């Protein structure tokens, strides 16, 4: 059954004085490879008088570059979209010959193209120990990735962490807890150390109340919900980029709407920019409602 939902994401910065703003980059438009149909989209920025140019970064993500010629007392960014939530089977893909089982090796030409998504630093002791316990004997690729994703979900508890930035894998494994972006980056690093191209994904997660309670397993959300979320994408020849959500232990479905995917979390931030020194009151809201 298809459900149309309307999302509104508002971010507001209020300053205690008039401030100059550097050019800002906003990554709040669904990415080109988004599998969930987006029926309409708009981006509104206040105050007026700014210049907005749409671009694409080296990874194909949509960027809105904002230039503010005058000083401002307030900056408000509102993204709105209507999405068609039709159930997606996350395993509806075929793998090329030679990649149905893990471990496998990308051919030289493909490995060259995927180079930014294969780079990783030497693991610390905790990550090295975690990787050493991974069974890398010949296994169906899908089964291997499902087990890996679920293990990260099991090992790392979830917390809403308000501090900026992303924890290192060592920090996440040491505390055994992290935000969605921390678990996503940990899984990216693990996949790369195992020879699989992986990237960091930032986007919206939409979760709707189920019409009927499941016979077993968690009941899901008690109210329709959306928020910014982070997950991981792995590159599988024949299938392309496949989303893995280590926060839930599930593969990405129709409720995952990617906004920006990149080799490093810093280039997937929803909003980047600078301002003159001032006191700031920050507020935001993210709402979803069913319209069909």
C-alpha atoms as a PDB file:
ATOM      1  CA  UNK A   1       0.000   0.000   0.000  1.00  0.00           C
ATOM      2  CA  UNK A   2       1.321   3.445  -0.941  1.00  0.00           C
ATOM      3  CA  UNK A   3       1.304   6.271   1.597  1.00  0.00           C
ATOM      4  CA  UNK A   4       2.149   9.872   0.726  1.00  0.00           C
ATOM      5  CA  UNK A   5       3.747  11.828   3.555  1.00  0.00           C
ATOM      6  CA  UNK A   6       4.733  15.478   3.849  1.00  0.00           C
ATOM      7  CA  UNK A   7       7.957  16.316   5.716  1.00  0.00           C
ATOM      8  CA  UNK A   8       8.866  19.748   7.051  1.00  0.00           C
ATOM      9  CA  UNK A   9      12.356  20.307   8.443  1.00  0.00           C
ATOM     10  CA  UNK A  10      13.023  23.738   9.936  1.00  0.00           C
ATOM     11  CA  UNK A  11      16.374  24.964  11.292  1.00  0.00           C
ATOM     12  CA  UNK A  12      16.628  28.417  12.871  1.00  0.00           C
ATOM     13  CA  UNK A  13      19.534  30.481  14.225  1.00  0.00           C
ATOM     14  CA  UNK A  14      18.683  33.723  16.070  1.00  0.00           C
ATOM     15  CA  UNK A  15      21.555  36.110  16.836  1.00  0.00           C
ATOM     16  CA  UNK A  16      21.795  38.744  19.568  1.00  0.00           C
ATOM     17  CA  UNK A  17      23.197  41.257  17.058  1.00  0.00           C
ATOM     18  CA  UNK A  18      23.510  41.761  13.313  1.00  0.00           C
ATOM     19  CA  UNK A  19      26.155  39.371  12.008  1.00  0.00           C
ATOM     20  CA  UNK A  20      27.887  38.709   8.724  1.00  0.00           C
ATOM     21  CA  UNK A  21      27.567  35.189   7.345  1.00  0.00           C
ATOM     22  CA  UNK A  22      30.061  33.366   5.198  1.00  0.00           C
ATOM     23  CA  UNK A  23      28.706  31.420   2.209  1.00  0.00           C
ATOM     24  CA  UNK A  24      26.661  28.528   3.581  1.00  0.00           C
ATOM     25  CA  UNK A  25      26.234  25.089   2.021  1.00  0.00           C
ATOM     26  CA  UNK A  26      22.951  23.256   2.648  1.00  0.00           C
ATOM     27  CA  UNK A  27      22.635  19.521   1.969  1.00  0.00           C
ATOM     28  CA  UNK A  28      18.913  18.987   2.516  1.00  0.00           C
ATOM     29  CA  UNK A  29      17.722  17.839  -0.922  1.00  0.00           C
ATOM     30  CA  UNK A  30      17.171  14.102  -1.550  1.00  0.00           C
ATOM     31  CA  UNK A  31      20.163  12.535  -3.275  1.00  0.00           C
ATOM     32  CA  UNK A  32      19.916  11.404  -6.922  1.00  0.00           C
ATOM     33  CA  UNK A  33      20.062   7.723  -5.973  1.00  0.00           C
ATOM     34  CA  UNK A  34      17.170   7.966  -3.480  1.00  0.00           C
ATOM     35  CA  UNK A  35      14.896   4.964  -4.102  1.00  0.00           C
ATOM     36  CA  UNK A  36      11.869   6.518  -2.375  1.00  0.00           C
ATOM     37  CA  UNK A  37       9.931   8.599  -4.940  1.00  0.00           C
ATOM     38  CA  UNK A  38       9.951  12.300  -3.981  1.00  0.00           C
ATOM     39  CA  UNK A  39       6.896  13.953  -5.527  1.00  0.00           C
ATOM     40  CA  UNK A  40       7.715  17.561  -4.627  1.00  0.00           C
ATOM     41  CA  UNK A  41      10.464  19.510  -2.885  1.00  0.00           C
ATOM     42  CA  UNK A  42      11.130  23.083  -1.789  1.00  0.00           C
ATOM     43  CA  UNK A  43      13.831  24.931   0.133  1.00  0.00           C
ATOM     44  CA  UNK A  44      12.991  28.252   1.784  1.00  0.00           C
ATOM     45  CA  UNK A  45      15.604  30.529   3.348  1.00  0.00           C
ATOM     46  CA  UNK A  46      14.973  33.657   5.428  1.00  0.00           C
ATOM     47  CA  UNK A  47      15.809  36.503   5.422  1.00  0.00           C
ATOM     48  CA  UNK A  48      15.403  37.359   1.767  1.00  0.00           C
ATOM     49  CA  UNK A  49      17.997  39.179  -0.276  1.00  0.00           C
ATOM     50  CA  UNK A  50      20.368  36.215  -0.407  1.00  0.00           C
ATOM     51  CA  UNK A  51      21.684  34.421  -3.485  1.00  0.00           C
ATOM     52  CA  UNK A  52      21.050  30.696  -3.912  1.00  0.00           C
ATOM     53  CA  UNK A  53      22.812  28.469  -6.437  1.00  0.00           C
ATOM     54  CA  UNK A  54      22.225  24.734  -6.816  1.00  0.00           C
ATOM     55  CA  UNK A  55      25.341  22.644  -7.382  1.00  0.00           C
ATOM     56  CA  UNK A  56      26.498  19.035  -7.175  1.00  0.00           C
ATOM     57  CA  UNK A  57      29.566  18.051  -5.178  1.00  0.00           C
ATOM     58  CA  UNK A  58      32.212  15.561  -6.419  1.00  0.00           C
ATOM     59  CA  UNK A  59      30.064  12.698  -5.104  1.00  0.00           C
ATOM     60  CA  UNK A  60      26.872  13.734  -6.911  1.00  0.00           C
ATOM     61  CA  UNK A  61      25.043  15.163  -3.880  1.00  0.00           C
ATOM     62  CA  UNK A  62      22.880  18.262  -4.355  1.00  0.00           C
ATOM     63  CA  UNK A  63      24.197  21.404  -2.650  1.00  0.00           C
ATOM     64  CA  UNK A  64      22.421  24.717  -2.138  1.00  0.00           C
ATOM     65  CA  UNK A  65      25.115  27.416  -1.858  1.00  0.00           C
ATOM     66  CA  UNK A  66      23.844  30.534  -0.101  1.00  0.00           C
ATOM     67  CA  UNK A  67      25.518  33.940  -0.200  1.00  0.00           C
ATOM     68  CA  UNK A  68      24.332  36.703   2.170  1.00  0.00           C
ATOM     69  CA  UNK A  69      25.419  40.216   1.047  1.00  0.00           C
ATOM     70  CA  UNK A  70      23.916  41.926   4.118  1.00  0.00           C
ATOM     71  CA  UNK A  71      24.244  41.316   7.843  1.00  0.00           C
ATOM     72  CA  UNK A  72      21.340  39.413   9.442  1.00  0.00           C
ATOM     73  CA  UNK A  73      19.751  38.895  12.861  1.00  0.00           C
ATOM     74  CA  UNK A  74      18.222  35.543  11.990  1.00  0.00           C
ATOM     75  CA  UNK A  75      18.809  32.622   9.624  1.00  0.00           C
ATOM     76  CA  UNK A  76      15.969  30.158   9.030  1.00  0.00           C
ATOM     77  CA  UNK A  77      16.171  27.223   6.605  1.00  0.00           C
ATOM     78  CA  UNK A  78      13.055  25.176   5.859  1.00  0.00           C
ATOM     79  CA  UNK A  79      13.070  22.093   3.654  1.00  0.00           C
ATOM     80  CA  UNK A  80       9.730  20.572   2.638  1.00  0.00           C
ATOM     81  CA  UNK A  81       9.040  17.474   0.581  1.00  0.00           C
ATOM     82  CA  UNK A  82       6.323  15.000  -0.253  1.00  0.00           C
ATOM     83  CA  UNK A  83       7.462  11.374  -0.458  1.00  0.00           C
ATOM     84  CA  UNK A  84       5.707   8.254  -1.687  1.00  0.00           C
ATOM     85  CA  UNK A  85       6.313   5.472   0.817  1.00  0.00           C
ATOM     86  CA  UNK A  86       5.871   2.281  -1.165  1.00  0.00           C
ATOM     87  CA  UNK A  87       7.406  -0.773   0.534  1.00  0.00           C
ATOM     88  CA  UNK A  88      10.890  -1.537  -0.766  1.00  0.00           C
ATOM     89  CA  UNK A  89      12.493  -4.961  -0.526  1.00  0.00           C
ATOM     90  CA  UNK A  90      16.085  -4.082   0.459  1.00  0.00           C
ATOM     91  CA  UNK A  91      17.299  -7.400  -0.984  1.00  0.00           C
ATOM     92  CA  UNK A  92      15.750  -6.891  -4.423  1.00  0.00           C
ATOM     93  CA  UNK A  93      19.024  -6.963  -6.339  1.00  0.00           C
ATOM     94  CA  UNK A  94      21.368  -9.330  -8.153  1.00  0.00           C
ATOM     95  CA  UNK A  95      25.118  -9.601  -7.670  1.00  0.00           C
ATOM     96  CA  UNK A  96      27.554 -10.051 -10.520  1.00  0.00           C
ATOM     97  CA  UNK A  97      29.295 -13.373 -10.976  1.00  0.00           C
ATOM     98  CA  UNK A  98      32.139 -13.731  -8.536  1.00  0.00           C
ATOM     99  CA  UNK A  99      30.578 -11.477  -5.909  1.00  0.00           C
ATOM    100  CA  UNK A 100      27.817 -13.711  -4.572  1.00  0.00           C
ATOM    101  CA  UNK A 101      30.109 -14.856  -1.763  1.00  0.00           C
ATOM    102  CA  UNK A 102      32.397 -12.968   0.595  1.00  0.00           C
ATOM    103  CA  UNK A 103      35.353 -12.501   0.609  1.00  0.00           C
ATOM    104  CA  UNK A 104      35.789 -11.073  -2.878  1.00  0.00           C
ATOM    105  CA  UNK A 105      38.087  -8.544  -4.543  1.00  0.00           C
ATOM    106  CA  UNK A 106      37.100  -5.652  -6.798  1.00  0.00           C
ATOM    107  CA  UNK A 107      38.800  -5.672 -10.200  1.00  0.00           C
ATOM    108  CA  UNK A 108      41.521  -3.072 -10.712  1.00  0.00           C
ATOM    109  CA  UNK A 109      39.403  -0.618 -12.717  1.00  0.00           C
ATOM    110  CA  UNK A 110      36.527  -0.661 -10.214  1.00  0.00           C
ATOM    111  CA  UNK A 111      38.878  -0.439  -7.241  1.00  0.00           C
ATOM    112  CA  UNK A 112      40.415   2.674  -8.810  1.00  0.00           C
ATOM    113  CA  UNK A 113      36.975   4.293  -9.125  1.00  0.00           C
ATOM    114  CA  UNK A 114      36.074   3.323  -5.549  1.00  0.00           C
ATOM    115  CA  UNK A 115      39.405   4.443  -4.072  1.00  0.00           C
ATOM    116  CA  UNK A 116      37.985   7.240  -1.824  1.00  0.00           C
ATOM    117  CA  UNK A 117      35.596   4.697  -0.274  1.00  0.00           C
ATOM    118  CA  UNK A 118      38.319   2.156   0.504  1.00  0.00           C
ATOM    119  CA  UNK A 119      40.719   4.428   2.407  1.00  0.00           C
ATOM    120  CA  UNK A 120      40.970   3.829   6.159  1.00  0.00           C
ATOM    121  CA  UNK A 121      43.480   4.468   8.886  1.00  0.00           C
ATOM    122  CA  UNK A 122      45.238   1.699  10.749  1.00  0.00           C
ATOM    123  CA  UNK A 123      42.831   0.341  13.386  1.00  0.00           C
ATOM    124  CA  UNK A 124      43.361   0.936  17.075  1.00  0.00           C
ATOM    125  CA  UNK A 125      43.544  -2.001  19.497  1.00  0.00           C
ATOM    126  CA  UNK A 126      39.793  -2.226  20.122  1.00  0.00           C
ATOM    127  CA  UNK A 127      38.881  -2.165  16.430  1.00  0.00           C
ATOM    128  CA  UNK A 128      41.703  -4.568  15.590  1.00  0.00           C
ATOM    129  CA  UNK A 129      40.362  -7.005  18.196  1.00  0.00           C
ATOM    130  CA  UNK A 130      36.796  -6.611  16.867  1.00  0.00           C
ATOM    131  CA  UNK A 131      37.940  -7.249  13.293  1.00  0.00           C
ATOM    132  CA  UNK A 132      39.991 -10.284  14.330  1.00  0.00           C
ATOM    133  CA  UNK A 133      36.820 -11.948  15.626  1.00  0.00           C
ATOM    134  CA  UNK A 134      34.962 -11.575  12.293  1.00  0.00           C
ATOM    135  CA  UNK A 135      34.508 -14.873  10.484  1.00  0.00           C
ATOM    136  CA  UNK A 136      35.853 -14.261   6.972  1.00  0.00           C
ATOM    137  CA  UNK A 137      35.392 -17.796   5.681  1.00  0.00           C
ATOM    138  CA  UNK A 138      33.445 -18.143   2.414  1.00  0.00           C
ATOM    139  CA  UNK A 139      29.862 -17.003   3.071  1.00  0.00           C
ATOM    140  CA  UNK A 140      26.978 -15.739   0.895  1.00  0.00           C
ATOM    141  CA  UNK A 141      27.559 -11.982   0.637  1.00  0.00           C
ATOM    142  CA  UNK A 142      24.052 -11.046   1.807  1.00  0.00           C
ATOM    143  CA  UNK A 143      24.301 -13.322   4.850  1.00  0.00           C
ATOM    144  CA  UNK A 144      27.714 -11.907   5.739  1.00  0.00           C
ATOM    145  CA  UNK A 145      26.529  -8.283   5.571  1.00  0.00           C
ATOM    146  CA  UNK A 146      23.329  -8.966   7.513  1.00  0.00           C
ATOM    147  CA  UNK A 147      25.313 -10.619  10.318  1.00  0.00           C
ATOM    148  CA  UNK A 148      27.906  -7.827  10.359  1.00  0.00           C
ATOM    149  CA  UNK A 149      25.241  -5.107  10.515  1.00  0.00           C
ATOM    150  CA  UNK A 150      23.365  -6.862  13.303  1.00  0.00           C
ATOM    151  CA  UNK A 151      26.542  -7.409  15.298  1.00  0.00           C
ATOM    152  CA  UNK A 152      27.371  -3.686  15.258  1.00  0.00           C
ATOM    153  CA  UNK A 153      23.779  -2.986  16.327  1.00  0.00           C
ATOM    154  CA  UNK A 154      24.109  -5.493  19.174  1.00  0.00           C
ATOM    155  CA  UNK A 155      27.518  -4.267  20.342  1.00  0.00           C
ATOM    156  CA  UNK A 156      26.838  -0.508  20.271  1.00  0.00           C
ATOM    157  CA  UNK A 157      24.030   1.026  22.298  1.00  0.00           C
ATOM    158  CA  UNK A 158      22.190   4.056  20.943  1.00  0.00           C
ATOM    159  CA  UNK A 159      22.279   7.522  22.476  1.00  0.00           C
ATOM    160  CA  UNK A 160      21.147  10.954  21.304  1.00  0.00           C
ATOM    161  CA  UNK A 161      24.494  12.722  21.394  1.00  0.00           C
ATOM    162  CA  UNK A 162      24.290  16.513  20.982  1.00  0.00           C
ATOM    163  CA  UNK A 163      28.039  17.165  20.740  1.00  0.00           C
ATOM    164  CA  UNK A 164      29.227  18.014  17.201  1.00  0.00           C
ATOM    165  CA  UNK A 165      31.328  15.696  15.092  1.00  0.00           C
ATOM    166  CA  UNK A 166      31.651  11.934  14.901  1.00  0.00           C
ATOM    167  CA  UNK A 167      33.387   9.673  17.388  1.00  0.00           C
ATOM    168  CA  UNK A 168      36.368   7.624  16.282  1.00  0.00           C
ATOM    169  CA  UNK A 169      35.795   3.849  16.085  1.00  0.00           C
ATOM    170  CA  UNK A 170      37.951   3.452  19.203  1.00  0.00           C
ATOM    171  CA  UNK A 171      35.756   5.891  21.164  1.00  0.00           C
ATOM    172  CA  UNK A 172      32.578   4.147  20.049  1.00  0.00           C
ATOM    173  CA  UNK A 173      33.901   0.667  20.870  1.00  0.00           C
ATOM    174  CA  UNK A 174      35.346   1.822  24.197  1.00  0.00           C
ATOM    175  CA  UNK A 175      32.045   3.200  25.489  1.00  0.00           C
ATOM    176  CA  UNK A 176      29.929   0.677  23.529  1.00  0.00           C
ATOM    177  CA  UNK A 177      27.488   3.508  22.872  1.00  0.00           C
ATOM    178  CA  UNK A 178      27.049   6.232  20.292  1.00  0.00           C
ATOM    179  CA  UNK A 179      24.673   8.225  18.119  1.00  0.00           C
ATOM    180  CA  UNK A 180      23.486   6.982  14.739  1.00  0.00           C
ATOM    181  CA  UNK A 181      26.371   8.807  13.034  1.00  0.00           C
ATOM    182  CA  UNK A 182      28.905   7.143  15.349  1.00  0.00           C
ATOM    183  CA  UNK A 183      27.588   3.641  14.590  1.00  0.00           C
ATOM    184  CA  UNK A 184      27.408   4.467  10.876  1.00  0.00           C
ATOM    185  CA  UNK A 185      31.039   5.623  10.795  1.00  0.00           C
ATOM    186  CA  UNK A 186      32.144   2.574  12.776  1.00  0.00           C
ATOM    187  CA  UNK A 187      30.471   0.295  10.226  1.00  0.00           C
ATOM    188  CA  UNK A 188      32.008   2.265   7.330  1.00  0.00           C
ATOM    189  CA  UNK A 189      35.453   1.724   8.867  1.00  0.00           C
ATOM    190  CA  UNK A 190      34.823  -1.982   9.499  1.00  0.00           C
ATOM    191  CA  UNK A 191      33.679  -2.578   5.931  1.00  0.00           C
ATOM    192  CA  UNK A 192      36.705  -0.778   4.501  1.00  0.00           C
ATOM    193  CA  UNK A 193      39.106  -2.773   6.673  1.00  0.00           C
ATOM    194  CA  UNK A 194      37.444  -5.917   5.261  1.00  0.00           C
ATOM    195  CA  UNK A 195      38.070  -4.718   1.705  1.00  0.00           C
ATOM    196  CA  UNK A 196      34.570  -3.439   0.929  1.00  0.00           C
ATOM    197  CA  UNK A 197      33.927   0.070  -0.398  1.00  0.00           C
ATOM    198  CA  UNK A 198      31.691   1.975   2.017  1.00  0.00           C
ATOM    199  CA  UNK A 199      30.447   5.522   2.493  1.00  0.00           C
ATOM    200  CA  UNK A 200      28.695   7.598   5.154  1.00  0.00           C
ATOM    201  CA  UNK A 201      25.035   8.433   4.463  1.00  0.00           C
ATOM    202  CA  UNK A 202      23.065  11.296   6.020  1.00  0.00           C
ATOM    203  CA  UNK A 203      19.339  11.685   5.460  1.00  0.00           C
ATOM    204  CA  UNK A 204      15.823  11.523   6.812  1.00  0.00           C
ATOM    205  CA  UNK A 205      14.382   8.481   8.542  1.00  0.00           C
ATOM    206  CA  UNK A 206      10.586   8.201   8.357  1.00  0.00           C
ATOM    207  CA  UNK A 207       8.860   5.708  10.652  1.00  0.00           C
ATOM    208  CA  UNK A 208       5.090   5.270  10.602  1.00  0.00           C
ATOM    209  CA  UNK A 209       2.841   3.492  13.052  1.00  0.00           C
ATOM    210  CA  UNK A 210       2.044   0.018  11.785  1.00  0.00           C
ATOM    211  CA  UNK A 211      -1.575  -0.792  10.893  1.00  0.00           C
ATOM    212  CA  UNK A 212      -1.264  -4.044  12.837  1.00  0.00           C
ATOM    213  CA  UNK A 213       1.087  -5.101  15.614  1.00  0.00           C
ATOM    214  CA  UNK A 214       3.674  -7.716  14.581  1.00  0.00           C
ATOM    215  CA  UNK A 215       3.297 -11.262  15.855  1.00  0.00           C
ATOM    216  CA  UNK A 216       6.841 -11.116  17.231  1.00  0.00           C
ATOM    217  CA  UNK A 217       9.639  -8.570  17.509  1.00  0.00           C
ATOM    218  CA  UNK A 218       9.401  -4.885  18.442  1.00  0.00           C
ATOM    219  CA  UNK A 219       6.108  -3.071  17.888  1.00  0.00           C
ATOM    220  CA  UNK A 220       7.749  -0.052  16.242  1.00  0.00           C
ATOM    221  CA  UNK A 221       6.977   3.636  16.888  1.00  0.00           C
ATOM    222  CA  UNK A 222       3.883   4.688  18.812  1.00  0.00           C
ATOM    223  CA  UNK A 223       3.437   7.770  16.589  1.00  0.00           C
ATOM    224  CA  UNK A 224       4.472   8.760  13.072  1.00  0.00           C
ATOM    225  CA  UNK A 225       8.011  10.096  13.295  1.00  0.00           C
ATOM    226  CA  UNK A 226      10.826  11.607  11.210  1.00  0.00           C
ATOM    227  CA  UNK A 227      14.254  13.002  12.001  1.00  0.00           C
ATOM    228  CA  UNK A 228      17.735  13.372  10.592  1.00  0.00           C
ATOM    229  CA  UNK A 229      19.542  10.054  10.632  1.00  0.00           C
ATOM    230  CA  UNK A 230      22.802   8.486   9.515  1.00  0.00           C
ATOM    231  CA  UNK A 231      23.589   5.049   8.118  1.00  0.00           C
ATOM    232  CA  UNK A 232      26.126   3.257   5.918  1.00  0.00           C
ATOM    233  CA  UNK A 233      26.181   2.316   2.244  1.00  0.00           C
ATOM    234  CA  UNK A 234      28.323  -0.505   0.831  1.00  0.00           C
ATOM    235  CA  UNK A 235      29.139  -1.000  -2.851  1.00  0.00           C
ATOM    236  CA  UNK A 236      28.232  -4.399  -4.304  1.00  0.00           C
ATOM    237  CA  UNK A 237      28.953  -5.024  -8.016  1.00  0.00           C
ATOM    238  CA  UNK A 238      25.652  -5.689  -9.759  1.00  0.00           C
ATOM    239  CA  UNK A 239      23.613  -4.082  -6.984  1.00  0.00           C
ATOM    240  CA  UNK A 240      25.337  -0.697  -6.584  1.00  0.00           C
ATOM    241  CA  UNK A 241      25.199   1.179  -3.282  1.00  0.00           C
ATOM    242  CA  UNK A 242      23.211  -0.727  -0.647  1.00  0.00           C
ATOM    243  CA  UNK A 243      22.127   0.929   2.615  1.00  0.00           C
ATOM    244  CA  UNK A 244      22.851  -0.705   5.979  1.00  0.00           C
ATOM    245  CA  UNK A 245      21.505   0.849   9.188  1.00  0.00           C
ATOM    246  CA  UNK A 246      23.583  -0.319  12.174  1.00  0.00           C
ATOM    247  CA  UNK A 247      21.358   1.598  14.608  1.00  0.00           C
ATOM    248  CA  UNK A 248      18.448  -0.753  13.899  1.00  0.00           C
ATOM    249  CA  UNK A 249      20.406  -3.695  12.499  1.00  0.00           C
ATOM    250  CA  UNK A 250      18.273  -3.565   9.338  1.00  0.00           C
ATOM    251  CA  UNK A 251      18.997  -2.737   5.724  1.00  0.00           C
ATOM    252  CA  UNK A 252      17.721   0.620   4.452  1.00  0.00           C
ATOM    253  CA  UNK A 253      14.149   0.646   3.152  1.00  0.00           C
ATOM    254  CA  UNK A 254      11.559   3.121   1.922  1.00  0.00           C
ATOM    255  CA  UNK A 255      11.795   5.145   5.149  1.00  0.00           C
ATOM    256  CA  UNK A 256      15.458   5.985   4.533  1.00  0.00           C
ATOM    257  CA  UNK A 257      15.699   9.112   2.355  1.00  0.00           C
ATOM    258  CA  UNK A 258      19.393   9.926   1.700  1.00  0.00           C
ATOM    259  CA  UNK A 259      20.402  13.584   1.471  1.00  0.00           C
ATOM    260  CA  UNK A 260      24.179  13.309   1.181  1.00  0.00           C
ATOM    261  CA  UNK A 261      26.565  10.366   0.877  1.00  0.00           C
ATOM    262  CA  UNK A 262      30.321  10.868   1.005  1.00  0.00           C
ATOM    263  CA  UNK A 263      33.600   9.196   1.982  1.00  0.00           C
ATOM    264  CA  UNK A 264      33.814  11.287   5.160  1.00  0.00           C
ATOM    265  CA  UNK A 265      31.062  12.464   7.561  1.00  0.00           C
ATOM    266  CA  UNK A 266      32.287  16.073   7.447  1.00  0.00           C
ATOM    267  CA  UNK A 267      31.239  16.428   3.793  1.00  0.00           C
ATOM    268  CA  UNK A 268      27.732  15.148   4.521  1.00  0.00           C
ATOM    269  CA  UNK A 269      26.772  17.709   7.201  1.00  0.00           C
ATOM    270  CA  UNK A 270      23.270  19.164   6.630  1.00  0.00           C
ATOM    271  CA  UNK A 271      24.452  22.791   6.977  1.00  0.00           C
ATOM    272  CA  UNK A 272      27.982  24.215   6.940  1.00  0.00           C
ATOM    273  CA  UNK A 273      29.107  27.825   7.192  1.00  0.00           C
ATOM    274  CA  UNK A 274      30.535  30.468   9.535  1.00  0.00           C
ATOM    275  CA  UNK A 275      29.383  33.712  11.139  1.00  0.00           C
ATOM    276  CA  UNK A 276      30.670  36.684  13.097  1.00  0.00           C
ATOM    277  CA  UNK A 277      30.984  36.256  16.856  1.00  0.00           C
ATOM    278  CA  UNK A 278      27.581  36.440  18.579  1.00  0.00           C
ATOM    279  CA  UNK A 279      25.304  34.703  21.029  1.00  0.00           C
ATOM    280  CA  UNK A 280      23.005  32.284  19.210  1.00  0.00           C
ATOM    281  CA  UNK A 281      19.663  30.706  20.046  1.00  0.00           C
ATOM    282  CA  UNK A 282      19.275  27.530  18.000  1.00  0.00           C
ATOM    283  CA  UNK A 283      15.971  25.749  17.367  1.00  0.00           C
ATOM    284  CA  UNK A 284      14.770  23.110  14.962  1.00  0.00           C
ATOM    285  CA  UNK A 285      11.764  20.952  14.190  1.00  0.00           C
ATOM    286  CA  UNK A 286      11.177  17.933  11.992  1.00  0.00           C
ATOM    287  CA  UNK A 287       7.610  16.824  11.363  1.00  0.00           C
ATOM    288  CA  UNK A 288       5.807  14.322   9.170  1.00  0.00           C
ATOM    289  CA  UNK A 289       2.118  14.003   8.341  1.00  0.00           C
ATOM    290  CA  UNK A 290       0.174  11.641   6.144  1.00  0.00           C
ATOM    291  CA  UNK A 291      -1.583  13.313   3.228  1.00  0.00           C
ATOM    292  CA  UNK A 292      -2.718  10.283   1.208  1.00  0.00           C
END
